[in-house]
Amino acid sequence: MIKKTISALLLTGIVAASTIPARAQVVASSMPYVKENMPIKEMVMEPTKSITVNVVVNEHLNYFREALMITDLGKTLNNQDGPFTVFAPIDEAFDMIPERYLNVMMEDRNEILTDLLRYHIVPGQIDVAQLKDGQHLKTLQGKKLRVSRKGDQVYINGAPILTSNIASRNGVIHTIGNIAMIP
């Protein structure tokens, strides 16, 4: 718990220092618009903010945020590079991992975690409407994600896309319901 809090504070400091002069502006201007009992898919993030900032303010991506900080990929997704498409597993996906494995995986500078996160990031900005059944997307990790469609629902390696097209200044985020495992 302390590690999560420290990681969140450090990442918030990095984000605040690199994107907006005043920390109060980060909190006020980058918060998503959320109504009480609003489904995840209706959250609206700000396209003027980086992928990292939009992950930080999303209350459903706490584990993903911490993982970005641990691996330093948060810095990559916070700068002007890109665009990137991020398939971000929600917290419930990480909750499915047994605690002892999750604790090992979330250790600082863990190569397995770095590879796993890079497997969830694709170069280029891909809108969900562009994803075709049977399509393969080459990730930053080097291997490919598989896209499938059943009606209007889109899946990445079998994980359903829950929220799509969260616009960021350097790409787009799609939240997914499971962690995409590297083949």
Protein backbone atom coordinates (compact mmCIF):
# COMPACT_ATOMS: atom_id res chain seq x y z
CA MET A 1 0.00 0.00 0.00
CA ILE A 2 2.80 2.40 0.90
CA LYS A 3 4.60 1.51 -2.33
CA LYS A 4 1.43 2.29 -4.33
CA THR A 5 1.04 5.65 -2.58
CA ILE A 6 4.68 6.60 -3.12
CA SER A 7 4.53 5.51 -6.77
CA ALA A 8 1.36 7.52 -7.32
CA LEU A 9 2.89 10.59 -5.68
CA LEU A 10 6.10 10.29 -7.72
CA LEU A 11 4.21 9.84 -10.98
CA THR A 12 1.90 12.74 -10.15
CA GLY A 13 4.99 14.88 -9.54
CA ILE A 14 6.54 13.85 -12.85
CA VAL A 15 3.31 14.52 -14.69
CA ALA A 16 2.76 17.86 -12.99
CA ALA A 17 6.32 19.01 -13.59
CA SER A 18 6.33 18.05 -17.23
CA THR A 19 2.88 19.08 -18.39
CA ILE A 20 1.56 22.08 -16.48
CA PRO A 21 3.29 24.66 -14.29
CA ALA A 22 0.85 24.51 -11.37
CA ARG A 23 -0.08 21.22 -9.69
CA ALA A 24 -3.57 22.52 -8.96
CA GLN A 25 -4.14 22.93 -12.68
CA VAL A 26 -3.28 19.26 -13.25
CA VAL A 27 -5.90 18.17 -10.75
CA ALA A 28 -8.58 20.59 -11.90
CA SER A 29 -8.09 20.46 -15.65
CA SER A 30 -7.24 16.81 -16.23
CA MET A 31 -9.93 15.14 -14.16
CA PRO A 32 -12.34 13.07 -16.23
CA TYR A 33 -15.97 14.02 -16.35
CA VAL A 34 -17.73 11.40 -14.24
CA LYS A 35 -21.33 11.30 -13.04
CA GLU A 36 -22.39 9.19 -10.07
CA ASN A 37 -22.82 5.52 -11.07
CA MET A 38 -21.53 6.28 -14.59
CA PRO A 39 -20.42 3.19 -16.53
CA ILE A 40 -16.71 3.07 -17.34
CA LYS A 41 -17.30 3.47 -21.07
CA GLU A 42 -18.86 6.94 -20.62
CA MET A 43 -15.81 8.56 -18.98
CA VAL A 44 -14.37 11.45 -20.97
CA MET A 45 -10.65 12.23 -20.76
CA GLU A 46 -8.94 15.28 -22.15
CA PRO A 47 -7.19 14.94 -25.53
CA THR A 48 -4.78 17.73 -24.57
CA LYS A 49 -3.22 15.55 -21.86
CA SER A 50 -0.67 12.78 -22.37
CA ILE A 51 -1.52 9.10 -22.16
CA THR A 52 0.21 9.00 -18.77
CA VAL A 53 -1.88 11.85 -17.35
CA ASN A 54 -5.09 10.25 -18.59
CA VAL A 55 -4.05 6.93 -16.98
CA VAL A 56 -3.25 8.72 -13.70
CA VAL A 57 -6.70 10.32 -13.46
CA ASN A 58 -8.59 7.15 -14.40
CA GLU A 59 -9.74 5.49 -11.17
CA HIS A 60 -10.04 2.11 -12.91
CA LEU A 61 -6.34 1.95 -13.93
CA ASN A 62 -4.52 2.10 -10.57
CA TYR A 63 -2.46 -1.07 -11.10
CA PHE A 64 -1.66 -0.08 -14.68
CA ARG A 65 -0.55 3.37 -13.46
CA GLU A 66 1.70 1.80 -10.82
CA ALA A 67 3.14 -0.61 -13.39
CA LEU A 68 3.92 2.27 -15.77
CA MET A 69 5.80 4.02 -12.96
CA ILE A 70 7.74 0.92 -11.91
CA THR A 71 8.91 0.25 -15.47
CA ASP A 72 9.54 3.88 -16.46
CA LEU A 73 7.11 3.47 -19.39
CA GLY A 74 5.10 6.27 -17.79
CA LYS A 75 7.86 8.67 -18.88
CA THR A 76 7.68 7.37 -22.45
CA LEU A 77 3.91 7.77 -22.59
CA ASN A 78 4.08 11.23 -20.99
CA ASN A 79 6.39 12.92 -23.49
CA GLN A 80 5.73 14.12 -27.02
CA ASP A 81 6.73 10.83 -28.67
CA GLY A 82 4.12 8.71 -30.31
CA PRO A 83 1.46 8.35 -31.22
CA PHE A 84 0.72 5.17 -29.30
CA THR A 85 -2.31 2.96 -28.83
CA VAL A 86 -2.51 1.57 -25.30
CA PHE A 87 -4.67 -1.39 -24.34
CA ALA A 88 -4.82 -0.80 -20.57
CA PRO A 89 -6.13 -3.61 -18.33
CA ILE A 90 -8.50 -2.38 -15.63
CA ASP A 91 -7.81 -3.04 -11.94
CA GLU A 92 -10.12 -6.06 -11.86
CA ALA A 93 -7.86 -7.76 -14.42
CA PHE A 94 -4.86 -7.39 -12.10
CA ASP A 95 -7.00 -8.56 -9.16
CA MET A 96 -7.35 -11.94 -10.91
CA ILE A 97 -3.59 -12.56 -10.51
CA PRO A 98 -2.75 -14.42 -7.28
CA GLU A 99 -1.31 -11.93 -4.78
CA ARG A 100 2.08 -13.62 -4.42
CA TYR A 101 2.65 -13.46 -8.21
CA LEU A 102 1.35 -9.91 -8.41
CA ASN A 103 3.76 -8.79 -5.67
CA VAL A 104 6.73 -10.33 -7.51
CA MET A 105 5.58 -8.91 -10.83
CA MET A 106 5.21 -5.38 -9.40
CA GLU A 107 8.80 -5.20 -8.11
CA ASP A 108 10.93 -2.29 -9.31
CA ARG A 109 12.61 -2.68 -12.70
CA ASN A 110 11.00 -6.07 -13.30
CA GLU A 111 11.78 -7.19 -16.87
CA ILE A 112 8.72 -9.46 -17.00
CA LEU A 113 6.45 -6.53 -16.12
CA THR A 114 8.21 -4.30 -18.66
CA ASP A 115 7.68 -6.90 -21.40
CA LEU A 116 4.06 -7.39 -20.36
CA LEU A 117 3.32 -3.65 -20.50
CA ARG A 118 5.13 -3.21 -23.81
CA TYR A 119 2.90 -6.01 -25.12
CA HIS A 120 -0.10 -3.75 -24.38
CA ILE A 121 1.28 -0.78 -26.38
CA VAL A 122 1.14 -0.48 -30.16
CA PRO A 123 2.91 2.22 -32.20
CA GLY A 124 0.46 4.53 -33.96
CA GLN A 125 -2.99 5.77 -33.07
CA ILE A 126 -5.69 3.18 -33.74
CA ASP A 127 -9.35 4.05 -33.28
CA VAL A 128 -11.53 1.09 -32.24
CA ALA A 129 -13.48 1.42 -35.53
CA GLN A 130 -10.23 0.61 -37.39
CA LEU A 131 -9.81 -2.74 -35.62
CA LYS A 132 -10.81 -5.62 -37.90
CA ASP A 133 -11.64 -9.21 -37.02
CA GLY A 134 -8.52 -11.36 -37.48
CA GLN A 135 -6.17 -8.35 -37.54
CA HIS A 136 -2.77 -8.61 -35.81
CA LEU A 137 -1.11 -5.57 -34.20
CA LYS A 138 2.66 -5.49 -33.65
CA THR A 139 3.43 -4.25 -30.14
CA LEU A 140 6.41 -2.39 -28.67
CA GLN A 141 7.37 -5.75 -27.14
CA GLY A 142 7.74 -7.21 -30.64
CA LYS A 143 4.99 -9.82 -30.61
CA LYS A 144 1.50 -9.34 -32.02
CA LEU A 145 -1.90 -8.84 -30.42
CA ARG A 146 -4.86 -10.56 -32.07
CA VAL A 147 -8.08 -8.61 -32.73
CA SER A 148 -11.45 -10.36 -32.84
CA ARG A 149 -14.99 -9.04 -33.16
CA LYS A 150 -18.31 -10.51 -32.11
CA GLY A 151 -21.04 -8.11 -33.16
CA ASP A 152 -20.15 -4.68 -31.82
CA GLN A 153 -17.79 -6.05 -29.15
CA VAL A 154 -14.06 -5.92 -29.92
CA TYR A 155 -11.55 -8.22 -28.20
CA ILE A 156 -7.77 -8.05 -27.86
CA ASN A 157 -6.33 -11.55 -27.32
CA GLY A 158 -9.76 -12.49 -25.98
CA ALA A 159 -9.93 -9.53 -23.57
CA PRO A 160 -12.99 -7.33 -24.20
CA ILE A 161 -12.43 -3.64 -24.88
CA LEU A 162 -14.49 -1.93 -22.17
CA THR A 163 -13.79 1.73 -22.93
CA SER A 164 -12.59 2.83 -26.32
CA ASN A 165 -10.98 5.86 -27.90
CA ILE A 166 -9.83 7.75 -24.80
CA ALA A 167 -8.12 10.54 -26.70
CA SER A 168 -4.72 11.79 -25.55
CA ARG A 169 -2.36 14.27 -27.17
CA ASN A 170 0.09 11.47 -28.02
CA GLY A 171 -2.28 8.63 -28.83
CA VAL A 172 -5.32 6.76 -27.61
CA ILE A 173 -6.22 4.45 -24.71
CA HIS A 174 -8.62 1.51 -24.82
CA THR A 175 -9.33 -0.19 -21.48
CA ILE A 176 -9.58 -3.98 -21.54
CA GLY A 177 -11.13 -6.46 -19.13
CA ASN A 178 -8.20 -8.91 -18.91
CA ILE A 179 -4.44 -8.81 -19.13
CA ALA A 180 -3.29 -9.85 -22.61
CA MET A 181 -0.76 -12.61 -22.00
CA ILE A 182 2.33 -12.84 -24.20
CA PRO A 183 2.22 -16.02 -26.34
